[in-house]
Amino acid sequence: MNTTDCATDWREDHAYLLGMQAYAYGFPALHYAKLRFGMVMRPQGAIDTPLNTFFHIPVLADHTMQYGGSPYRDGLYSLAWVDLSRGPVVLEAPACGDRYVTIQLAEFYSDLLGYVGGNVNDGKAQTCLIVPPGWEGRDEALPAGIDTVMRSTTPGVFTIARVSTPGGEDLAAARAIQAKCKLTPLSNWLAGTEPEARREVLVPTAPNLPLGDFHTMHAAMCENPPPASHEVLMRQFGRIGLGPYARAPLNELDEATRRGLARVLQDGPALLAKVAKAGGDTPVVNTWFWGDKNWGRMASVGDYVGRASPQAFSGIVEHWIEQSTKLRTFTDADGQELSGEHRYLLRFERDQIPKAKAFWSITLYDGRFCLVDNPIGRYSLASNTDGLKYGADGSLEILMQNEQPQDEGNANWLPTPKGEFNLFLRTYLPGPDMLDQSYVPPAIKRL
């Protein structure tokens, strides 16, 4: 092998090594750029909204929402992509009383900036000024009517409002609260004028083009620069044409480096899928794995793989555990993949029923982390589900199968697809054993 061949091999392997790290770091920005484009500029599903505007979904999530991300089934969603590149934006959160309502704000790499609204304000209304990086305004000089300030680390912000409701007759009251969640650019809010409907966002490069996803990731990272404390990482990624310190455009890199990056776009997604299915580096009990204690703040502990997956890859955005804890499983008690080809029983003894100040729920998802179509329109069971039947000893049994059971089994039936599926156990305002992860969930038994 001549000297040129050695150099070529070195560059390809080096690009692969750095590229895998960069893919894990930058995946949330890549994912968010694609999601934003598909909701704002060229809607590809139910969500169709300009920037800085809540899209209120007046019905509970169902199988028609094919965005992945394990959608919440325990209430109404309102989603918005906030753009701070032209200045601060005002978020108005309504009073909610005793109802569990959260409005969470995530920076463009999927970690949370925090929460706004009644759930963190004793059920009272709250008006928040969301400001971009480097904003020079002083808190003591805030305009009248502003209660609090949320300082974003990126110009792009993903905002999700969740208004809890079991559905049915309660939907009207939940919708009334939902409709009062509002976003307005500060300039329009002060002037009392309606903002223009803006839809210009970064257009992702087609993933089937050479290094397509890396082109999108690079553009998203330049649009939303990582914090200065990550400069050492960014300079490393810049050696392979990624991020704000890129030494050369991706299409001008040498062929060996481009080959290494092309391998990453094959292996990177596969790695994140494996991490998601394993639950990341968290405790596993009876085949259920805990959500990471640092979800929503993964960068603070340097866990960029955990931030990419399962946080962004399978969840899009995750709660801080003080708000909600999650347990997920893909397998039964024997470690076999859950499949609609079989029947299963999940039995909670009285002392195993999850403890939460608000409520708990179990939701079923397919392999793409979407809700599953079924003949009775049931996607989850929760502590506030009407008609849920408990045993005389206080136990709770949930039956999971593809075919509808006899009438007496319908109340606690969770329909499955014909193929693979997984389960999410959520608690809202969790009890102490959920926060310290000492809770032991029951294993799923195949019948």
Protein backbone atom coordinates (compact mmCIF):
# COMPACT_ATOMS: atom_id res chain seq x y z
CA MET A 1 0.00 0.00 0.00
CA ASN A 2 1.48 3.37 -0.95
CA THR A 3 1.58 6.53 1.19
CA THR A 4 -1.48 8.03 -0.47
CA ASP A 5 -3.56 4.96 0.34
CA CYS A 6 -2.50 5.13 4.01
CA ALA A 7 -3.43 8.78 4.18
CA THR A 8 -6.75 8.06 2.50
CA ASP A 9 -7.57 5.27 4.96
CA TRP A 10 -6.63 7.54 7.87
CA ARG A 11 -8.89 10.35 6.72
CA GLU A 12 -11.86 8.06 6.20
CA ASP A 13 -11.54 6.46 9.63
CA HIS A 14 -10.97 9.83 11.28
CA ALA A 15 -14.07 11.27 9.62
CA TYR A 16 -16.06 8.24 10.76
CA LEU A 17 -14.85 8.60 14.35
CA LEU A 18 -15.64 12.32 14.57
CA GLY A 19 -18.76 11.92 12.46
CA MET A 20 -20.38 9.42 14.83
CA GLN A 21 -19.79 11.81 17.72
CA ALA A 22 -21.11 14.73 15.70
CA TYR A 23 -24.17 12.75 14.65
CA ALA A 24 -25.04 11.99 18.28
CA TYR A 25 -24.46 15.61 19.28
CA GLY A 26 -26.31 17.20 16.38
CA PHE A 27 -29.15 14.73 15.84
CA PRO A 28 -31.70 16.74 17.87
CA ALA A 29 -31.07 19.81 15.72
CA LEU A 30 -31.37 17.69 12.56
CA HIS A 31 -34.59 16.14 13.88
CA TYR A 32 -36.06 19.49 14.90
CA ALA A 33 -35.21 21.10 11.55
CA LYS A 34 -37.12 18.34 9.75
CA LEU A 35 -40.07 18.45 12.13
CA ARG A 36 -40.32 22.24 11.93
CA PHE A 37 -40.24 22.16 8.14
CA GLY A 38 -42.98 19.52 8.12
CA MET A 39 -45.23 21.56 10.42
CA VAL A 40 -44.52 25.13 9.31
CA MET A 41 -43.27 25.52 5.75
CA ARG A 42 -44.57 22.41 4.05
CA PRO A 43 -47.07 20.72 6.37
CA GLN A 44 -46.94 16.96 6.05
CA GLY A 45 -49.60 16.00 8.57
CA ALA A 46 -52.28 17.41 10.85
CA ILE A 47 -50.10 20.25 12.19
CA ASP A 48 -50.04 23.34 9.97
CA THR A 49 -48.87 26.52 11.71
CA PRO A 50 -46.84 29.69 11.12
CA LEU A 51 -43.89 30.50 13.37
CA ASN A 52 -44.66 31.99 16.79
CA THR A 53 -48.21 30.65 16.71
CA PHE A 54 -49.72 27.83 18.73
CA PHE A 55 -51.40 25.10 16.74
CA HIS A 56 -54.17 23.89 19.02
CA ILE A 57 -55.16 20.27 18.51
CA PRO A 58 -58.73 20.14 19.91
CA VAL A 59 -58.88 16.34 20.09
CA LEU A 60 -56.83 13.75 21.90
CA ALA A 61 -53.88 12.38 19.91
CA ASP A 62 -54.63 9.29 17.83
CA HIS A 63 -53.12 7.07 15.15
CA THR A 64 -53.43 9.78 12.49
CA MET A 65 -50.57 11.71 14.13
CA GLN A 66 -47.64 10.05 12.36
CA TYR A 67 -44.79 12.19 13.67
CA GLY A 68 -43.39 9.55 16.01
CA GLY A 69 -42.18 10.82 19.36
CA SER A 70 -44.53 8.71 21.51
CA PRO A 71 -47.34 11.32 21.62
CA TYR A 72 -49.10 12.18 24.84
CA ARG A 73 -52.59 10.67 25.06
CA ASP A 74 -53.54 12.13 28.43
CA GLY A 75 -54.67 15.55 27.27
CA LEU A 76 -54.77 18.12 24.49
CA TYR A 77 -51.65 19.27 22.67
CA SER A 78 -50.77 22.75 21.51
CA LEU A 79 -47.49 23.01 19.56
CA ALA A 80 -45.45 25.98 18.38
CA TRP A 81 -42.10 26.69 16.79
CA VAL A 82 -40.82 29.95 18.27
CA ASP A 83 -38.34 32.05 16.30
CA LEU A 84 -36.37 34.55 18.38
CA SER A 85 -34.10 35.72 15.55
CA ARG A 86 -36.10 38.96 15.27
CA GLY A 87 -36.46 39.53 19.00
CA PRO A 88 -38.33 38.33 22.10
CA VAL A 89 -41.72 36.63 22.02
CA VAL A 90 -44.43 36.83 24.69
CA LEU A 91 -46.06 33.63 25.93
CA GLU A 92 -49.41 34.02 27.69
CA ALA A 93 -50.39 31.04 29.86
CA PRO A 94 -53.93 30.91 31.29
CA ALA A 95 -55.04 30.03 34.79
CA CYS A 96 -55.83 26.33 35.14
CA GLY A 97 -56.90 25.87 38.77
CA ASP A 98 -56.37 22.28 39.90
CA ARG A 99 -56.11 20.90 36.36
CA TYR A 100 -52.69 19.54 35.37
CA VAL A 101 -51.43 21.85 32.60
CA THR A 102 -47.83 22.17 31.46
CA ILE A 103 -46.21 24.48 28.95
CA GLN A 104 -42.63 23.42 28.35
CA LEU A 105 -40.02 25.18 26.25
CA ALA A 106 -37.10 23.33 24.67
CA GLU A 107 -34.04 24.76 23.00
CA PHE A 108 -33.18 23.45 19.52
CA TYR A 109 -31.17 20.51 20.86
CA SER A 110 -34.18 19.15 22.82
CA ASP A 111 -33.14 20.03 26.39
CA LEU A 112 -35.63 22.12 28.32
CA LEU A 113 -35.38 25.81 29.11
CA GLY A 114 -38.14 25.37 31.67
CA TYR A 115 -41.89 25.59 32.23
CA VAL A 116 -44.43 28.39 32.15
CA GLY A 117 -47.99 28.63 33.42
CA GLY A 118 -50.32 27.43 36.11
CA ASN A 119 -48.54 24.18 36.80
CA VAL A 120 -45.50 26.07 38.12
CA ASN A 121 -47.50 29.12 39.28
CA ASP A 122 -50.07 27.72 41.73
CA GLY A 123 -52.71 27.36 39.02
CA LYS A 124 -52.64 31.08 38.20
CA ALA A 125 -52.12 32.75 34.83
CA GLN A 126 -48.61 33.79 33.85
CA THR A 127 -47.14 35.95 31.10
CA CYS A 128 -43.58 35.11 30.10
CA LEU A 129 -41.10 36.95 27.90
CA ILE A 130 -38.98 34.46 25.91
CA VAL A 131 -35.71 36.14 24.95
CA PRO A 132 -32.95 35.10 22.52
CA PRO A 133 -29.30 34.47 23.36
CA GLY A 134 -27.44 37.66 24.18
CA TRP A 135 -30.59 39.72 24.79
CA GLU A 136 -29.59 42.86 26.64
CA GLY A 137 -32.90 43.72 28.27
CA ARG A 138 -32.91 44.05 32.05
CA ASP A 139 -35.47 42.15 34.11
CA GLU A 140 -36.21 45.19 36.28
CA ALA A 141 -37.14 47.16 33.15
CA LEU A 142 -39.66 44.65 31.81
CA PRO A 143 -42.82 45.97 30.18
CA ALA A 144 -45.88 46.10 32.39
CA GLY A 145 -47.79 42.84 32.31
CA ILE A 146 -44.73 40.59 32.01
CA ASP A 147 -44.41 38.24 34.98
CA THR A 148 -41.25 36.31 34.20
CA VAL A 149 -38.42 35.90 31.67
CA MET A 150 -37.23 32.71 29.98
CA ARG A 151 -33.75 33.06 28.45
CA SER A 152 -33.23 30.74 25.50
CA THR A 153 -29.84 29.36 24.53
CA THR A 154 -30.84 29.06 20.85
CA PRO A 155 -32.87 31.28 18.50
CA GLY A 156 -35.17 28.33 17.75
CA VAL A 157 -37.47 27.09 20.51
CA PHE A 158 -39.96 24.23 20.49
CA THR A 159 -42.95 24.86 22.73
CA ILE A 160 -45.54 22.30 23.83
CA ALA A 161 -48.62 23.01 25.93
CA ARG A 162 -50.46 20.04 27.40
CA VAL A 163 -53.90 20.39 28.98
CA SER A 164 -54.85 17.21 30.80
CA THR A 165 -58.27 15.71 30.18
CA PRO A 166 -59.76 12.22 30.13
CA GLY A 167 -61.88 13.29 27.15
CA GLY A 168 -65.63 12.95 26.90
CA GLU A 169 -67.64 15.69 28.54
CA ASP A 170 -64.51 17.29 29.99
CA LEU A 171 -63.13 18.17 26.55
CA ALA A 172 -65.01 21.47 26.31
CA ALA A 173 -63.48 22.78 29.54
CA ALA A 174 -60.00 21.63 28.47
CA ARG A 175 -60.38 23.32 25.08
CA ALA A 176 -61.33 26.60 26.74
CA ILE A 177 -58.03 26.58 28.65
CA GLN A 178 -56.09 25.44 25.59
CA ALA A 179 -57.43 28.31 23.46
CA LYS A 180 -56.00 30.87 25.89
CA CYS A 181 -52.40 29.72 25.38
CA LYS A 182 -50.98 32.40 23.10
CA LEU A 183 -47.67 33.53 21.55
CA THR A 184 -47.01 37.05 20.23
CA PRO A 185 -43.76 38.77 19.18
CA LEU A 186 -42.96 41.44 21.77
CA SER A 187 -43.15 44.28 19.24
CA ASN A 188 -46.71 43.29 18.28
CA TRP A 189 -47.67 42.63 21.90
CA LEU A 190 -46.60 46.15 22.92
CA ALA A 191 -48.31 47.76 19.93
CA GLY A 192 -51.46 45.68 20.19
CA THR A 193 -51.15 44.63 16.56
CA GLU A 194 -51.50 41.27 14.85
CA PRO A 195 -48.18 39.73 13.79
CA GLU A 196 -47.48 38.68 10.24
CA ALA A 197 -47.79 34.98 9.47
CA ARG A 198 -44.21 33.87 8.89
CA ARG A 199 -43.38 30.43 7.50
CA GLU A 200 -39.83 30.78 6.17
CA VAL A 201 -37.67 28.15 7.83
CA LEU A 202 -34.57 26.15 6.98
CA VAL A 203 -35.32 23.72 4.14
CA PRO A 204 -33.80 20.29 4.87
CA THR A 205 -31.61 18.71 2.23
CA ALA A 206 -33.14 15.53 0.82
CA PRO A 207 -31.63 12.66 2.81
CA ASN A 208 -31.09 10.59 -0.34
CA LEU A 209 -28.64 13.19 -1.71
CA PRO A 210 -24.94 12.75 -0.90
CA LEU A 211 -24.47 13.55 2.82
CA GLY A 212 -27.98 15.01 2.78
CA ASP A 213 -28.68 14.75 6.51
CA PHE A 214 -25.27 16.17 7.37
CA HIS A 215 -26.00 19.21 5.17
CA THR A 216 -29.22 19.73 7.15
CA MET A 217 -27.50 19.14 10.50
CA HIS A 218 -24.75 21.62 9.64
CA ALA A 219 -27.24 24.31 8.64
CA ALA A 220 -29.35 23.73 11.78
CA MET A 221 -26.26 23.95 14.02
CA CYS A 222 -25.17 27.19 12.36
CA GLU A 223 -28.67 28.62 12.74
CA ASN A 224 -28.71 27.55 16.40
CA PRO A 225 -25.10 27.71 17.59
CA PRO A 226 -24.25 25.54 20.60
CA PRO A 227 -23.10 27.34 23.75
CA ALA A 228 -19.59 28.77 23.99
CA SER A 229 -18.70 26.11 26.57
CA HIS A 230 -18.94 23.50 23.77
CA GLU A 231 -16.35 25.23 21.58
CA VAL A 232 -13.79 22.41 21.87
CA LEU A 233 -16.34 19.93 20.50
CA MET A 234 -17.42 22.33 17.77
CA ARG A 235 -13.84 22.83 16.61
CA GLN A 236 -13.44 19.06 16.34
CA PHE A 237 -16.63 18.76 14.31
CA GLY A 238 -15.48 21.69 12.20
CA ARG A 239 -12.62 19.50 10.93
CA ILE A 240 -15.20 17.42 9.04
CA GLY A 241 -17.30 20.36 7.80
CA LEU A 242 -19.94 20.43 10.53
CA GLY A 243 -21.14 23.26 12.73
CA PRO A 244 -20.20 26.92 13.16
CA TYR A 245 -16.44 26.19 13.01
CA ALA A 246 -16.56 24.19 9.78
CA ARG A 247 -13.25 24.51 7.93
CA ALA A 248 -14.76 23.80 4.52
CA PRO A 249 -18.19 23.08 3.03
CA LEU A 250 -19.18 19.42 3.08
CA ASN A 251 -19.18 19.17 -0.72
CA GLU A 252 -15.56 20.41 -0.83
CA LEU A 253 -14.15 17.83 1.58
CA ASP A 254 -11.77 15.19 0.24
CA GLU A 255 -13.29 11.94 -0.97
CA ALA A 256 -11.98 9.83 1.92
CA THR A 257 -13.56 12.14 4.50
CA ARG A 258 -16.84 12.10 2.61
CA ARG A 259 -16.76 8.29 2.53
CA GLY A 260 -16.32 8.22 6.30
CA LEU A 261 -19.27 10.58 6.76
CA ALA A 262 -21.41 8.52 4.41
CA ARG A 263 -20.78 5.49 6.64
CA VAL A 264 -21.93 7.54 9.63
CA LEU A 265 -25.28 8.22 7.96
CA GLN A 266 -25.77 4.46 7.80
CA ASP A 267 -24.52 3.58 11.27
CA GLY A 268 -25.61 6.69 13.22
CA PRO A 269 -29.38 6.14 12.89
CA ALA A 270 -28.91 2.43 13.64
CA LEU A 271 -27.04 3.29 16.83
CA LEU A 272 -29.76 5.69 18.00
CA ALA A 273 -32.42 3.07 17.30
CA LYS A 274 -30.50 0.56 19.44
CA VAL A 275 -30.10 3.06 22.27
CA ALA A 276 -33.82 3.90 22.15
CA LYS A 277 -34.80 0.26 22.33
CA ALA A 278 -32.43 -0.35 25.24
CA GLY A 279 -33.68 2.74 27.05
CA GLY A 280 -30.27 4.31 27.21
CA ASP A 281 -27.99 3.92 30.21
CA THR A 282 -30.69 3.66 32.89
CA PRO A 283 -31.88 1.08 35.44
CA VAL A 284 -33.96 -1.82 34.12
CA VAL A 285 -36.54 -3.53 36.38
CA ASN A 286 -38.70 -6.44 35.16
CA THR A 287 -37.79 -5.46 31.57
CA TRP A 288 -39.03 -1.88 32.14
CA PHE A 289 -36.35 0.75 31.78
CA TRP A 290 -36.51 4.07 33.55
CA GLY A 291 -36.38 7.40 31.82
CA ASP A 292 -33.08 9.07 32.59
CA LYS A 293 -33.06 11.20 35.75
CA ASN A 294 -31.43 13.91 33.64
CA TRP A 295 -34.00 13.92 30.83
CA GLY A 296 -34.61 17.44 29.66
CA ARG A 297 -31.15 18.55 30.84
CA MET A 298 -28.84 15.93 29.30
CA ALA A 299 -26.22 18.40 28.07
CA SER A 300 -25.61 19.53 31.65
CA VAL A 301 -24.06 16.10 32.36
CA GLY A 302 -22.43 15.74 28.94
CA ASP A 303 -24.70 12.88 27.83
CA TYR A 304 -25.15 13.72 24.15
CA VAL A 305 -25.99 10.16 23.13
CA GLY A 306 -28.75 10.11 25.76
CA ARG A 307 -29.98 13.50 24.53
CA ALA A 308 -30.11 12.21 20.97
CA SER A 309 -31.71 8.90 21.95
CA PRO A 310 -33.98 8.10 23.59
CA GLN A 311 -34.78 11.75 24.40
CA ALA A 312 -35.08 13.24 20.90
CA PHE A 313 -35.16 10.09 18.75
CA SER A 314 -38.13 8.40 20.45
CA GLY A 315 -39.59 11.24 22.48
CA ILE A 316 -38.90 14.51 20.57
CA VAL A 317 -38.87 16.27 23.96
CA GLU A 318 -38.95 14.93 27.52
CA HIS A 319 -40.08 16.24 30.89
CA TRP A 320 -37.95 16.97 33.88
CA ILE A 321 -38.71 14.17 36.32
CA GLU A 322 -40.29 16.55 38.83
CA GLN A 323 -43.10 16.94 36.32
CA SER A 324 -43.33 13.45 34.89
CA THR A 325 -41.51 10.13 35.11
CA LYS A 326 -41.55 7.44 32.46
CA LEU A 327 -40.94 3.72 32.28
CA ARG A 328 -40.81 1.92 28.93
CA THR A 329 -40.66 -1.70 27.85
CA PHE A 330 -40.35 -3.55 24.57
CA THR A 331 -40.35 -7.08 26.00
CA ASP A 332 -42.32 -9.50 28.16
CA ALA A 333 -41.21 -11.19 31.40
CA ASP A 334 -39.14 -13.68 29.40
CA GLY A 335 -37.34 -11.00 27.45
CA GLN A 336 -39.24 -11.71 24.22
CA GLU A 337 -40.28 -8.83 21.97
CA LEU A 338 -43.86 -7.67 22.50
CA SER A 339 -45.94 -8.60 19.46
CA GLY A 340 -49.61 -8.53 18.55
CA GLU A 341 -49.24 -12.17 17.55
CA HIS A 342 -49.58 -13.00 21.26
CA ARG A 343 -51.77 -12.10 24.24
CA TYR A 344 -50.40 -10.47 27.39
CA LEU A 345 -51.45 -9.64 30.94
CA LEU A 346 -50.08 -6.77 33.01
CA ARG A 347 -51.18 -7.18 36.64
CA PHE A 348 -50.60 -4.49 39.25
CA GLU A 349 -50.98 -5.61 42.83
CA ARG A 350 -52.61 -3.01 45.03
CA ASP A 351 -49.26 -1.68 46.29
CA GLN A 352 -47.82 -1.65 42.74
CA ILE A 353 -50.34 0.83 41.34
CA PRO A 354 -48.27 3.92 40.43
CA LYS A 355 -48.36 6.85 42.84
CA ALA A 356 -48.76 10.34 41.43
CA LYS A 357 -50.18 13.61 42.73
CA ALA A 358 -51.89 14.24 39.37
CA PHE A 359 -52.44 10.89 37.59
CA TRP A 360 -50.72 7.99 35.82
CA SER A 361 -51.23 6.36 32.42
CA ILE A 362 -50.08 3.44 30.25
CA THR A 363 -49.89 4.12 26.51
CA LEU A 364 -49.17 1.65 23.70
CA TYR A 365 -47.07 2.54 20.64
CA ASP A 366 -45.95 0.77 17.48
CA GLY A 367 -42.36 0.35 16.36
CA ARG A 368 -42.28 3.91 14.99
CA PHE A 369 -43.44 5.33 18.34
CA CYS A 370 -46.86 6.23 16.95
CA LEU A 371 -50.28 5.39 18.38
CA VAL A 372 -51.95 2.27 17.00
CA ASP A 373 -55.23 2.19 15.06
CA ASN A 374 -57.81 -0.07 16.69
CA PRO A 375 -61.57 -0.74 16.50
CA ILE A 376 -62.53 0.98 19.77
CA GLY A 377 -60.25 4.03 19.50
CA ARG A 378 -58.40 3.21 22.73
CA TYR A 379 -54.72 4.03 22.88
CA SER A 380 -54.08 4.15 26.61
CA LEU A 381 -55.48 3.39 30.04
CA ALA A 382 -55.08 5.76 32.98
CA SER A 383 -56.04 6.32 36.57
CA ASN A 384 -58.74 8.71 35.33
CA THR A 385 -60.12 6.38 32.62
CA ASP A 386 -63.88 5.94 33.00
CA GLY A 387 -64.94 2.37 33.65
CA LEU A 388 -61.51 0.98 34.57
CA LYS A 389 -62.17 -2.13 36.68
CA TYR A 390 -60.15 -3.06 39.77
CA GLY A 391 -60.16 -6.40 41.58
CA ALA A 392 -61.78 -6.90 44.97
CA ASP A 393 -58.28 -6.85 46.49
CA GLY A 394 -57.44 -3.51 44.85
CA SER A 395 -55.37 -5.05 42.07
CA LEU A 396 -55.57 -3.96 38.43
CA GLU A 397 -55.22 -6.25 35.42
CA ILE A 398 -54.66 -4.91 31.89
CA LEU A 399 -55.18 -7.27 28.95
CA MET A 400 -53.20 -6.64 25.76
CA GLN A 401 -54.08 -8.45 22.53
CA ASN A 402 -54.95 -7.77 18.93
CA GLU A 403 -58.43 -9.30 18.85
CA GLN A 404 -61.26 -7.80 20.88
CA PRO A 405 -61.96 -9.88 24.00
CA GLN A 406 -65.36 -10.94 25.32
CA ASP A 407 -67.55 -8.11 26.64
CA GLU A 408 -66.46 -8.51 30.25
CA GLY A 409 -62.83 -7.99 29.21
CA ASN A 410 -63.32 -4.78 27.24
CA ALA A 411 -63.00 -2.35 30.15
CA ASN A 412 -59.32 -3.13 30.76
CA TRP A 413 -58.36 -4.09 27.19
CA LEU A 414 -55.47 -2.26 25.55
CA PRO A 415 -55.55 -3.12 21.81
CA THR A 416 -52.28 -4.09 20.12
CA PRO A 417 -51.17 -4.00 16.48
CA LYS A 418 -50.48 -7.22 14.64
CA GLY A 419 -46.74 -6.49 14.75
CA GLU A 420 -44.32 -5.20 17.36
CA PHE A 421 -45.30 -2.68 20.02
CA ASN A 422 -44.02 -1.08 23.21
CA LEU A 423 -45.49 0.46 26.34
CA PHE A 424 -44.95 3.75 28.17
CA LEU A 425 -45.91 4.09 31.85
CA ARG A 426 -46.11 7.76 32.80
CA THR A 427 -46.75 9.48 36.13
CA TYR A 428 -47.57 13.18 36.45
CA LEU A 429 -46.30 14.97 39.55
CA PRO A 430 -44.82 11.63 40.59
CA GLY A 431 -44.57 10.17 44.06
CA PRO A 432 -41.25 9.71 45.92
CA ASP A 433 -40.66 6.12 44.76
CA MET A 434 -40.95 7.29 41.15
CA LEU A 435 -38.50 10.13 41.68
CA ASP A 436 -35.86 7.97 43.35
CA GLN A 437 -36.59 5.03 40.99
CA SER A 438 -37.26 2.57 43.80
CA TYR A 439 -40.69 1.68 42.36
CA VAL A 440 -40.86 -1.90 41.01
CA PRO A 441 -43.29 -2.30 38.07
CA PRO A 442 -44.84 -5.70 37.31
CA ALA A 443 -43.48 -7.76 34.44
CA ILE A 444 -45.69 -8.40 31.43
CA LYS A 445 -46.78 -12.03 31.21
CA ARG A 446 -47.45 -13.69 27.88
CA LEU A 447 -50.66 -15.75 28.02
